[in-house]
Amino acid sequence: MPVMETDRILKLLGLAKRAGRLKSGSFQTEEAIKGGKAVLVLITADSSEASKKGWIDMCTFYETEYRIFGSKEEMGHALGMEYRAVAALTDEGFAKKILSIIDETN
């Protein structure tokens, strides 16, 4: 994915976090998915294969959109943390915009 598009997505993630429309980390993300609040789940590309499979299986079971995006360090930095492997957007507007950027570049 081009750097410009990655930066746009990371900025949107930071905005969503500040707006209270994003859950990050394993516990909060799982809670959002199982509670039906997650609109889009982002799983980092550098997560372990077992971890990715677990999140993909959970998203598939609960019929939640997901994408593989970025690295733990990039996502963590965008959210004001050191590392983050997974995040769930709970707002449809943010989710649609991020999906459109990811899907256009792939």
PDB file of N, CA and C in Angstrom:
ATOM      1  N   MET A   1       0.848  -1.178   0.000  1.00  0.00           N
ATOM      2  CA  MET A   1       0.000   0.000   0.000  1.00  0.00           C
ATOM      3  C   MET A   1       0.895   1.243   0.000  1.00  0.00           C
ATOM      4  N   PRO A   2       0.566   2.233  -0.834  1.00  0.00           N
ATOM      5  CA  PRO A   2       1.367   3.459  -0.879  1.00  0.00           C
ATOM      6  C   PRO A   2       1.404   4.163   0.483  1.00  0.00           C
ATOM      7  N   VAL A   3       2.529   4.808   0.762  1.00  0.00           N
ATOM      8  CA  VAL A   3       2.731   5.487   2.046  1.00  0.00           C
ATOM      9  C   VAL A   3       1.639   6.534   2.293  1.00  0.00           C
ATOM     10  N   MET A   4       1.264   7.254   1.256  1.00  0.00           N
ATOM     11  CA  MET A   4       0.247   8.300   1.394  1.00  0.00           C
ATOM     12  C   MET A   4      -1.079   7.719   1.879  1.00  0.00           C
ATOM     13  N   GLU A   5      -1.474   6.585   1.325  1.00  0.00           N
ATOM     14  CA  GLU A   5      -2.736   5.954   1.715  1.00  0.00           C
ATOM     15  C   GLU A   5      -2.636   5.418   3.146  1.00  0.00           C
ATOM     16  N   THR A   6      -1.495   4.834   3.495  1.00  0.00           N
ATOM     17  CA  THR A   6      -1.287   4.324   4.846  1.00  0.00           C
ATOM     18  C   THR A   6      -1.404   5.463   5.848  1.00  0.00           C
ATOM     19  N   ASP A   7      -0.786   6.603   5.544  1.00  0.00           N
ATOM     20  CA  ASP A   7      -0.854   7.770   6.429  1.00  0.00           C
ATOM     21  C   ASP A   7      -2.287   8.260   6.611  1.00  0.00           C
ATOM     22  N   ARG A   8      -3.061   8.271   5.527  1.00  0.00           N
ATOM     23  CA  ARG A   8      -4.472   8.694   5.614  1.00  0.00           C
ATOM     24  C   ARG A   8      -5.247   7.791   6.573  1.00  0.00           C
ATOM     25  N   ILE A   9      -5.026   6.491   6.443  1.00  0.00           N
ATOM     26  CA  ILE A   9      -5.725   5.534   7.307  1.00  0.00           C
ATOM     27  C   ILE A   9      -5.296   5.704   8.755  1.00  0.00           C
ATOM     28  N   LEU A  10      -4.003   5.870   8.985  1.00  0.00           N
ATOM     29  CA  LEU A  10      -3.509   6.035  10.353  1.00  0.00           C
ATOM     30  C   LEU A  10      -4.061   7.304  10.986  1.00  0.00           C
ATOM     31  N   LYS A  11      -4.173   8.374  10.221  1.00  0.00           N
ATOM     32  CA  LYS A  11      -4.763   9.621  10.733  1.00  0.00           C
ATOM     33  C   LYS A  11      -6.237   9.421  11.078  1.00  0.00           C
ATOM     34  N   LEU A  12      -6.948   8.689  10.224  1.00  0.00           N
ATOM     35  CA  LEU A  12      -8.355   8.395  10.501  1.00  0.00           C
ATOM     36  C   LEU A  12      -8.505   7.547  11.764  1.00  0.00           C
ATOM     37  N   LEU A  13      -7.592   6.614  11.978  1.00  0.00           N
ATOM     38  CA  LEU A  13      -7.632   5.790  13.192  1.00  0.00           C
ATOM     39  C   LEU A  13      -7.440   6.654  14.434  1.00  0.00           C
ATOM     40  N   GLY A  14      -6.492   7.575  14.369  1.00  0.00           N
ATOM     41  CA  GLY A  14      -6.264   8.490  15.490  1.00  0.00           C
ATOM     42  C   GLY A  14      -7.479   9.344  15.767  1.00  0.00           C
ATOM     43  N   LEU A  15      -8.111   9.826  14.711  1.00  0.00           N
ATOM     44  CA  LEU A  15      -9.327  10.643  14.838  1.00  0.00           C
ATOM     45  C   LEU A  15     -10.453   9.825  15.465  1.00  0.00           C
ATOM     46  N   ALA A  16     -10.618   8.595  14.989  1.00  0.00           N
ATOM     47  CA  ALA A  16     -11.669   7.711  15.514  1.00  0.00           C
ATOM     48  C   ALA A  16     -11.437   7.434  17.003  1.00  0.00           C
ATOM     49  N   LYS A  17     -10.174   7.253  17.380  1.00  0.00           N
ATOM     50  CA  LYS A  17      -9.844   7.010  18.794  1.00  0.00           C
ATOM     51  C   LYS A  17     -10.227   8.208  19.640  1.00  0.00           C
ATOM     52  N   ARG A  18      -9.843   9.394  19.190  1.00  0.00           N
ATOM     53  CA  ARG A  18     -10.170  10.617  19.941  1.00  0.00           C
ATOM     54  C   ARG A  18     -11.671  10.846  20.014  1.00  0.00           C
ATOM     55  N   ALA A  19     -12.394  10.393  18.990  1.00  0.00           N
ATOM     56  CA  ALA A  19     -13.853  10.547  18.965  1.00  0.00           C
ATOM     57  C   ALA A  19     -14.561   9.453  19.763  1.00  0.00           C
ATOM     58  N   GLY A  20     -13.795   8.498  20.288  1.00  0.00           N
ATOM     59  CA  GLY A  20     -14.392   7.407  21.058  1.00  0.00           C
ATOM     60  C   GLY A  20     -15.080   6.366  20.196  1.00  0.00           C
ATOM     61  N   ARG A  21     -14.663   6.277  18.937  1.00  0.00           N
ATOM     62  CA  ARG A  21     -15.288   5.353  17.988  1.00  0.00           C
ATOM     63  C   ARG A  21     -14.375   4.198  17.602  1.00  0.00           C
ATOM     64  N   LEU A  22     -13.376   3.914  18.446  1.00  0.00           N
ATOM     65  CA  LEU A  22     -12.437   2.856  18.150  1.00  0.00           C
ATOM     66  C   LEU A  22     -12.061   2.125  19.441  1.00  0.00           C
ATOM     67  N   LYS A  23     -12.040   0.815  19.359  1.00  0.00           N
ATOM     68  CA  LYS A  23     -11.597  -0.023  20.481  1.00  0.00           C
ATOM     69  C   LYS A  23     -10.321  -0.705  20.016  1.00  0.00           C
ATOM     70  N   SER A  24      -9.318  -0.756  20.892  1.00  0.00           N
ATOM     71  CA  SER A  24      -8.061  -1.396  20.484  1.00  0.00           C
ATOM     72  C   SER A  24      -7.577  -2.350  21.554  1.00  0.00           C
ATOM     73  N   GLY A  25      -6.717  -3.259  21.123  1.00  0.00           N
ATOM     74  CA  GLY A  25      -6.232  -4.292  22.024  1.00  0.00           C
ATOM     75  C   GLY A  25      -7.165  -5.486  21.991  1.00  0.00           C
ATOM     76  N   SER A  26      -6.654  -6.616  22.427  1.00  0.00           N
ATOM     77  CA  SER A  26      -7.398  -7.877  22.335  1.00  0.00           C
ATOM     78  C   SER A  26      -8.736  -7.847  23.073  1.00  0.00           C
ATOM     79  N   PHE A  27      -8.711  -7.423  24.330  1.00  0.00           N
ATOM     80  CA  PHE A  27      -9.917  -7.480  25.147  1.00  0.00           C
ATOM     81  C   PHE A  27     -11.023  -6.584  24.596  1.00  0.00           C
ATOM     82  N   GLN A  28     -10.696  -5.304  24.355  1.00  0.00           N
ATOM     83  CA  GLN A  28     -11.709  -4.364  23.867  1.00  0.00           C
ATOM     84  C   GLN A  28     -12.225  -4.740  22.484  1.00  0.00           C
ATOM     85  N   THR A  29     -11.325  -5.221  21.629  1.00  0.00           N
ATOM     86  CA  THR A  29     -11.741  -5.596  20.278  1.00  0.00           C
ATOM     87  C   THR A  29     -12.673  -6.805  20.319  1.00  0.00           C
ATOM     88  N   GLU A  30     -12.309  -7.804  21.099  1.00  0.00           N
ATOM     89  CA  GLU A  30     -13.155  -8.995  21.223  1.00  0.00           C
ATOM     90  C   GLU A  30     -14.531  -8.623  21.770  1.00  0.00           C
ATOM     91  N   GLU A  31     -14.553  -7.750  22.768  1.00  0.00           N
ATOM     92  CA  GLU A  31     -15.807  -7.284  23.362  1.00  0.00           C
ATOM     93  C   GLU A  31     -16.682  -6.584  22.309  1.00  0.00           C
ATOM     94  N   ALA A  32     -16.055  -5.739  21.478  1.00  0.00           N
ATOM     95  CA  ALA A  32     -16.786  -5.011  20.436  1.00  0.00           C
ATOM     96  C   ALA A  32     -17.349  -5.962  19.381  1.00  0.00           C
ATOM     97  N   ILE A  33     -16.567  -6.959  18.998  1.00  0.00           N
ATOM     98  CA  ILE A  33     -17.025  -7.924  17.986  1.00  0.00           C
ATOM     99  C   ILE A  33     -18.193  -8.736  18.533  1.00  0.00           C
ATOM    100  N   LYS A  34     -18.005  -9.326  19.709  1.00  0.00           N
ATOM    101  CA  LYS A  34     -19.037 -10.188  20.289  1.00  0.00           C
ATOM    102  C   LYS A  34     -20.285  -9.406  20.684  1.00  0.00           C
ATOM    103  N   GLY A  35     -20.116  -8.129  20.988  1.00  0.00           N
ATOM    104  CA  GLY A  35     -21.260  -7.284  21.350  1.00  0.00           C
ATOM    105  C   GLY A  35     -21.968  -6.697  20.148  1.00  0.00           C
ATOM    106  N   GLY A  36     -21.466  -6.985  18.951  1.00  0.00           N
ATOM    107  CA  GLY A  36     -22.105  -6.490  17.736  1.00  0.00           C
ATOM    108  C   GLY A  36     -21.843  -5.020  17.457  1.00  0.00           C
ATOM    109  N   LYS A  37     -20.878  -4.431  18.142  1.00  0.00           N
ATOM    110  CA  LYS A  37     -20.590  -3.003  17.966  1.00  0.00           C
ATOM    111  C   LYS A  37     -19.502  -2.740  16.932  1.00  0.00           C
ATOM    112  N   ALA A  38     -18.679  -3.744  16.637  1.00  0.00           N
ATOM    113  CA  ALA A  38     -17.584  -3.568  15.681  1.00  0.00           C
ATOM    114  C   ALA A  38     -18.128  -3.541  14.254  1.00  0.00           C
ATOM    115  N   VAL A  39     -17.759  -2.504  13.519  1.00  0.00           N
ATOM    116  CA  VAL A  39     -18.148  -2.391  12.113  1.00  0.00           C
ATOM    117  C   VAL A  39     -17.016  -2.895  11.224  1.00  0.00           C
ATOM    118  N   LEU A  40     -15.784  -2.619  11.639  1.00  0.00           N
ATOM    119  CA  LEU A  40     -14.603  -3.031  10.891  1.00  0.00           C
ATOM    120  C   LEU A  40     -13.483  -3.357  11.868  1.00  0.00           C
ATOM    121  N   VAL A  41     -12.828  -4.481  11.665  1.00  0.00           N
ATOM    122  CA  VAL A  41     -11.690  -4.879  12.494  1.00  0.00           C
ATOM    123  C   VAL A  41     -10.435  -4.818  11.635  1.00  0.00           C
ATOM    124  N   LEU A  42      -9.405  -4.155  12.154  1.00  0.00           N
ATOM    125  CA  LEU A  42      -8.117  -4.083  11.468  1.00  0.00           C
ATOM    126  C   LEU A  42      -7.124  -4.938  12.234  1.00  0.00           C
ATOM    127  N   ILE A  43      -6.516  -5.879  11.527  1.00  0.00           N
ATOM    128  CA  ILE A  43      -5.534  -6.803  12.094  1.00  0.00           C
ATOM    129  C   ILE A  43      -4.204  -6.462  11.438  1.00  0.00           C
ATOM    130  N   THR A  44      -3.156  -6.288  12.231  1.00  0.00           N
ATOM    131  CA  THR A  44      -1.868  -5.908  11.647  1.00  0.00           C
ATOM    132  C   THR A  44      -1.237  -7.072  10.888  1.00  0.00           C
ATOM    133  N   ALA A  45      -0.532  -6.723   9.829  1.00  0.00           N
ATOM    134  CA  ALA A  45       0.101  -7.720   8.966  1.00  0.00           C
ATOM    135  C   ALA A  45       1.206  -8.484   9.684  1.00  0.00           C
ATOM    136  N   ASP A  46       1.823  -7.861  10.686  1.00  0.00           N
ATOM    137  CA  ASP A  46       2.925  -8.532  11.384  1.00  0.00           C
ATOM    138  C   ASP A  46       2.476  -9.297  12.634  1.00  0.00           C
ATOM    139  N   SER A  47       1.174  -9.488  12.785  1.00  0.00           N
ATOM    140  CA  SER A  47       0.662 -10.363  13.850  1.00  0.00           C
ATOM    141  C   SER A  47       1.022 -11.801  13.489  1.00  0.00           C
ATOM    142  N   SER A  48       1.095 -12.658  14.486  1.00  0.00           N
ATOM    143  CA  SER A  48       1.406 -14.062  14.202  1.00  0.00           C
ATOM    144  C   SER A  48       0.283 -14.679  13.370  1.00  0.00           C
ATOM    145  N   GLU A  49       0.617 -15.717  12.642  1.00  0.00           N
ATOM    146  CA  GLU A  49      -0.386 -16.390  11.808  1.00  0.00           C
ATOM    147  C   GLU A  49      -1.531 -16.941  12.669  1.00  0.00           C
ATOM    148  N   ALA A  50      -1.204 -17.471  13.845  1.00  0.00           N
ATOM    149  CA  ALA A  50      -2.226 -18.013  14.740  1.00  0.00           C
ATOM    150  C   ALA A  50      -3.164 -16.900  15.221  1.00  0.00           C
ATOM    151  N   SER A  51      -2.586 -15.764  15.535  1.00  0.00           N
ATOM    152  CA  SER A  51      -3.378 -14.621  15.989  1.00  0.00           C
ATOM    153  C   SER A  51      -4.296 -14.117  14.871  1.00  0.00           C
ATOM    154  N   LYS A  52      -3.724 -13.970  13.672  1.00  0.00           N
ATOM    155  CA  LYS A  52      -4.536 -13.532  12.523  1.00  0.00           C
ATOM    156  C   LYS A  52      -5.687 -14.495  12.285  1.00  0.00           C
ATOM    157  N   LYS A  53      -5.396 -15.789  12.304  1.00  0.00           N
ATOM    158  CA  LYS A  53      -6.430 -16.791  12.073  1.00  0.00           C
ATOM    159  C   LYS A  53      -7.533 -16.690  13.122  1.00  0.00           C
ATOM    160  N   GLY A  54      -7.150 -16.495  14.371  1.00  0.00           N
ATOM    161  CA  GLY A  54      -8.135 -16.361  15.447  1.00  0.00           C
ATOM    162  C   GLY A  54      -9.059 -15.178  15.233  1.00  0.00           C
ATOM    163  N   TRP A  55      -8.480 -14.019  14.873  1.00  0.00           N
ATOM    164  CA  TRP A  55      -9.299 -12.828  14.633  1.00  0.00           C
ATOM    165  C   TRP A  55     -10.173 -12.990  13.394  1.00  0.00           C
ATOM    166  N   ILE A  56      -9.608 -13.569  12.340  1.00  0.00           N
ATOM    167  CA  ILE A  56     -10.383 -13.771  11.106  1.00  0.00           C
ATOM    168  C   ILE A  56     -11.548 -14.724  11.364  1.00  0.00           C
ATOM    169  N   ASP A  57     -11.293 -15.807  12.095  1.00  0.00           N
ATOM    170  CA  ASP A  57     -12.359 -16.755  12.428  1.00  0.00           C
ATOM    171  C   ASP A  57     -13.458 -16.079  13.245  1.00  0.00           C
ATOM    172  N   MET A  58     -13.051 -15.255  14.222  1.00  0.00           N
ATOM    173  CA  MET A  58     -14.041 -14.572  15.058  1.00  0.00           C
ATOM    174  C   MET A  58     -14.862 -13.590  14.222  1.00  0.00           C
ATOM    175  N   CYS A  59     -14.203 -12.833  13.361  1.00  0.00           N
ATOM    176  CA  CYS A  59     -14.907 -11.870  12.505  1.00  0.00           C
ATOM    177  C   CYS A  59     -15.866 -12.589  11.557  1.00  0.00           C
ATOM    178  N   THR A  60     -15.430 -13.704  11.010  1.00  0.00           N
ATOM    179  CA  THR A  60     -16.273 -14.477  10.105  1.00  0.00           C
ATOM    180  C   THR A  60     -17.500 -15.004  10.850  1.00  0.00           C
ATOM    181  N   PHE A  61     -17.296 -15.551  12.040  1.00  0.00           N
ATOM    182  CA  PHE A  61     -18.398 -16.095  12.827  1.00  0.00           C
ATOM    183  C   PHE A  61     -19.420 -15.022  13.185  1.00  0.00           C
ATOM    184  N   TYR A  62     -18.941 -13.852  13.578  1.00  0.00           N
ATOM    185  CA  TYR A  62     -19.837 -12.761  13.981  1.00  0.00           C
ATOM    186  C   TYR A  62     -20.205 -11.831  12.826  1.00  0.00           C
ATOM    187  N   GLU A  63     -19.833 -12.225  11.602  1.00  0.00           N
ATOM    188  CA  GLU A  63     -20.156 -11.480  10.379  1.00  0.00           C
ATOM    189  C   GLU A  63     -19.714 -10.022  10.468  1.00  0.00           C
ATOM    190  N   THR A  64     -18.454  -9.829  10.821  1.00  0.00           N
ATOM    191  CA  THR A  64     -17.858  -8.505  10.944  1.00  0.00           C
ATOM    192  C   THR A  64     -16.788  -8.345   9.878  1.00  0.00           C
ATOM    193  N   GLU A  65     -16.817  -7.210   9.177  1.00  0.00           N
ATOM    194  CA  GLU A  65     -15.792  -6.920   8.169  1.00  0.00           C
ATOM    195  C   GLU A  65     -14.429  -6.852   8.837  1.00  0.00           C
ATOM    196  N   TYR A  66     -13.402  -7.290   8.135  1.00  0.00           N
ATOM    197  CA  TYR A  66     -12.044  -7.168   8.647  1.00  0.00           C
ATOM    198  C   TYR A  66     -11.093  -6.947   7.478  1.00  0.00           C
ATOM    199  N   ARG A  67      -9.950  -6.360   7.786  1.00  0.00           N
ATOM    200  CA  ARG A  67      -8.880  -6.195   6.809  1.00  0.00           C
ATOM    201  C   ARG A  67      -7.547  -6.354   7.526  1.00  0.00           C
ATOM    202  N   ILE A  68      -6.561  -6.799   6.787  1.00  0.00           N
ATOM    203  CA  ILE A  68      -5.187  -6.858   7.278  1.00  0.00           C
ATOM    204  C   ILE A  68      -4.562  -5.529   6.877  1.00  0.00           C
ATOM    205  N   PHE A  69      -3.992  -4.819   7.856  1.00  0.00           N
ATOM    206  CA  PHE A  69      -3.464  -3.490   7.562  1.00  0.00           C
ATOM    207  C   PHE A  69      -2.302  -3.123   8.476  1.00  0.00           C
ATOM    208  N   GLY A  70      -1.261  -2.585   7.892  1.00  0.00           N
ATOM    209  CA  GLY A  70      -0.174  -1.961   8.640  1.00  0.00           C
ATOM    210  C   GLY A  70       0.592  -2.881   9.570  1.00  0.00           C
ATOM    211  N   SER A  71       1.350  -2.252  10.449  1.00  0.00           N
ATOM    212  CA  SER A  71       2.158  -2.986  11.422  1.00  0.00           C
ATOM    213  C   SER A  71       1.717  -2.614  12.831  1.00  0.00           C
ATOM    214  N   LYS A  72       2.147  -3.416  13.792  1.00  0.00           N
ATOM    215  CA  LYS A  72       1.824  -3.155  15.200  1.00  0.00           C
ATOM    216  C   LYS A  72       2.337  -1.786  15.621  1.00  0.00           C
ATOM    217  N   GLU A  73       3.535  -1.464  15.173  1.00  0.00           N
ATOM    218  CA  GLU A  73       4.148  -0.187  15.544  1.00  0.00           C
ATOM    219  C   GLU A  73       3.380   0.996  14.936  1.00  0.00           C
ATOM    220  N   GLU A  74       3.017   0.886  13.658  1.00  0.00           N
ATOM    221  CA  GLU A  74       2.267   1.966  12.996  1.00  0.00           C
ATOM    222  C   GLU A  74       0.927   2.198  13.686  1.00  0.00           C
ATOM    223  N   MET A  75       0.203   1.096  13.922  1.00  0.00           N
ATOM    224  CA  MET A  75      -1.110   1.236  14.540  1.00  0.00           C
ATOM    225  C   MET A  75      -0.990   1.784  15.958  1.00  0.00           C
ATOM    226  N   GLY A  76      -0.038   1.261  16.707  1.00  0.00           N
ATOM    227  CA  GLY A  76       0.174   1.743  18.065  1.00  0.00           C
ATOM    228  C   GLY A  76       0.491   3.229  18.096  1.00  0.00           C
ATOM    229  N   HIS A  77       1.382   3.656  17.215  1.00  0.00           N
ATOM    230  CA  HIS A  77       1.761   5.068  17.151  1.00  0.00           C
ATOM    231  C   HIS A  77       0.552   5.947  16.825  1.00  0.00           C
ATOM    232  N   ALA A  78      -0.277   5.512  15.880  1.00  0.00           N
ATOM    233  CA  ALA A  78      -1.468   6.278  15.491  1.00  0.00           C
ATOM    234  C   ALA A  78      -2.459   6.407  16.648  1.00  0.00           C
ATOM    235  N   LEU A  79      -2.437   5.426  17.555  1.00  0.00           N
ATOM    236  CA  LEU A  79      -3.375   5.423  18.675  1.00  0.00           C
ATOM    237  C   LEU A  79      -2.746   5.937  19.970  1.00  0.00           C
ATOM    238  N   GLY A  80      -1.510   6.430  19.877  1.00  0.00           N
ATOM    239  CA  GLY A  80      -0.845   6.986  21.042  1.00  0.00           C
ATOM    240  C   GLY A  80      -0.326   5.940  22.012  1.00  0.00           C
ATOM    241  N   MET A  81       0.012   4.774  21.497  1.00  0.00           N
ATOM    242  CA  MET A  81       0.525   3.676  22.309  1.00  0.00           C
ATOM    243  C   MET A  81       1.786   3.129  21.661  1.00  0.00           C
ATOM    244  N   GLU A  82       2.413   2.165  22.340  1.00  0.00           N
ATOM    245  CA  GLU A  82       3.635   1.607  21.769  1.00  0.00           C
ATOM    246  C   GLU A  82       3.310   0.651  20.621  1.00  0.00           C
ATOM    247  N   TYR A  83       2.518  -0.375  20.902  1.00  0.00           N
ATOM    248  CA  TYR A  83       2.151  -1.365  19.886  1.00  0.00           C
ATOM    249  C   TYR A  83       0.674  -1.705  20.009  1.00  0.00           C
ATOM    250  N   ARG A  84       0.034  -1.970  18.882  1.00  0.00           N
ATOM    251  CA  ARG A  84      -1.329  -2.478  18.852  1.00  0.00           C
ATOM    252  C   ARG A  84      -1.428  -3.445  17.688  1.00  0.00           C
ATOM    253  N   ALA A  85      -1.951  -4.652  17.941  1.00  0.00           N
ATOM    254  CA  ALA A  85      -2.047  -5.670  16.896  1.00  0.00           C
ATOM    255  C   ALA A  85      -3.426  -5.710  16.258  1.00  0.00           C
ATOM    256  N   VAL A  86      -4.430  -5.188  16.970  1.00  0.00           N
ATOM    257  CA  VAL A  86      -5.794  -5.275  16.460  1.00  0.00           C
ATOM    258  C   VAL A  86      -6.610  -4.091  16.989  1.00  0.00           C
ATOM    259  N   ALA A  87      -7.551  -3.646  16.158  1.00  0.00           N
ATOM    260  CA  ALA A  87      -8.437  -2.551  16.553  1.00  0.00           C
ATOM    261  C   ALA A  87      -9.780  -2.729  15.868  1.00  0.00           C
ATOM    262  N   ALA A  88     -10.833  -2.258  16.530  1.00  0.00           N
ATOM    263  CA  ALA A  88     -12.185  -2.345  15.971  1.00  0.00           C
ATOM    264  C   ALA A  88     -12.792  -0.954  15.875  1.00  0.00           C
ATOM    265  N   LEU A  89     -13.240  -0.597  14.693  1.00  0.00           N
ATOM    266  CA  LEU A  89     -13.957   0.660  14.513  1.00  0.00           C
ATOM    267  C   LEU A  89     -15.421   0.406  14.818  1.00  0.00           C
ATOM    268  N   THR A  90     -16.015   1.281  15.614  1.00  0.00           N
ATOM    269  CA  THR A  90     -17.413   1.115  15.997  1.00  0.00           C
ATOM    270  C   THR A  90     -18.315   2.139  15.308  1.00  0.00           C
ATOM    271  N   ASP A  91     -17.748   2.921  14.422  1.00  0.00           N
ATOM    272  CA  ASP A  91     -18.500   3.948  13.708  1.00  0.00           C
ATOM    273  C   ASP A  91     -18.532   3.613  12.220  1.00  0.00           C
ATOM    274  N   GLU A  92     -19.707   3.616  11.653  1.00  0.00           N
ATOM    275  CA  GLU A  92     -19.859   3.227  10.258  1.00  0.00           C
ATOM    276  C   GLU A  92     -19.175   4.194   9.292  1.00  0.00           C
ATOM    277  N   GLY A  93     -19.196   5.476   9.594  1.00  0.00           N
ATOM    278  CA  GLY A  93     -18.568   6.475   8.731  1.00  0.00           C
ATOM    279  C   GLY A  93     -17.065   6.278   8.624  1.00  0.00           C
ATOM    280  N   PHE A  94     -16.403   6.150   9.773  1.00  0.00           N
ATOM    281  CA  PHE A  94     -14.959   5.902   9.777  1.00  0.00           C
ATOM    282  C   PHE A  94     -14.650   4.582   9.063  1.00  0.00           C
ATOM    283  N   ALA A  95     -15.436   3.556   9.361  1.00  0.00           N
ATOM    284  CA  ALA A  95     -15.202   2.236   8.774  1.00  0.00           C
ATOM    285  C   ALA A  95     -15.328   2.281   7.255  1.00  0.00           C
ATOM    286  N   LYS A  96     -16.365   2.928   6.737  1.00  0.00           N
ATOM    287  CA  LYS A  96     -16.570   3.007   5.287  1.00  0.00           C
ATOM    288  C   LYS A  96     -15.426   3.732   4.598  1.00  0.00           C
ATOM    289  N   LYS A  97     -14.969   4.827   5.211  1.00  0.00           N
ATOM    290  CA  LYS A  97     -13.881   5.603   4.612  1.00  0.00           C
ATOM    291  C   LYS A  97     -12.595   4.773   4.563  1.00  0.00           C
ATOM    292  N   ILE A  98     -12.265   4.111   5.669  1.00  0.00           N
ATOM    293  CA  ILE A  98     -11.054   3.290   5.716  1.00  0.00           C
ATOM    294  C   ILE A  98     -11.159   2.114   4.753  1.00  0.00           C
ATOM    295  N   LEU A  99     -12.324   1.470   4.703  1.00  0.00           N
ATOM    296  CA  LEU A  99     -12.530   0.366   3.756  1.00  0.00           C
ATOM    297  C   LEU A  99     -12.334   0.831   2.316  1.00  0.00           C
ATOM    298  N   SER A 100     -12.862   1.995   1.989  1.00  0.00           N
ATOM    299  CA  SER A 100     -12.738   2.480   0.613  1.00  0.00           C
ATOM    300  C   SER A 100     -11.277   2.738   0.254  1.00  0.00           C
ATOM    301  N   ILE A 101     -10.497   3.276   1.193  1.00  0.00           N
ATOM    302  CA  ILE A 101      -9.070   3.537   0.920  1.00  0.00           C
ATOM    303  C   ILE A 101      -8.323   2.218   0.740  1.00  0.00           C
ATOM    304  N   ILE A 102      -8.564   1.263   1.649  1.00  0.00           N
ATOM    305  CA  ILE A 102      -7.874  -0.028   1.581  1.00  0.00           C
ATOM    306  C   ILE A 102      -8.257  -0.770   0.298  1.00  0.00           C
ATOM    307  N   ASP A 103      -9.542  -0.838   0.022  1.00  0.00           N
ATOM    308  CA  ASP A 103     -10.012  -1.610  -1.134  1.00  0.00           C
ATOM    309  C   ASP A 103      -9.617  -0.969  -2.471  1.00  0.00           C
ATOM    310  N   GLU A 104      -9.528   0.367  -2.537  1.00  0.00           N
ATOM    311  CA  GLU A 104      -9.103   1.030  -3.764  1.00  0.00           C
ATOM    312  C   GLU A 104      -7.650   0.747  -4.083  1.00  0.00           C
ATOM    313  N   THR A 105      -6.808   0.662  -3.050  1.00  0.00           N
ATOM    314  CA  THR A 105      -5.381   0.485  -3.294  1.00  0.00           C
ATOM    315  C   THR A 105      -5.007  -0.978  -3.508  1.00  0.00           C
ATOM    316  N   ASN A 106      -5.899  -1.901  -3.138  1.00  0.00           N
ATOM    317  CA  ASN A 106      -5.603  -3.334  -3.325  1.00  0.00           C
ATOM    318  C   ASN A 106      -6.180  -3.837  -4.582  1.00  0.00           C
TER     319      ASN A 106
END
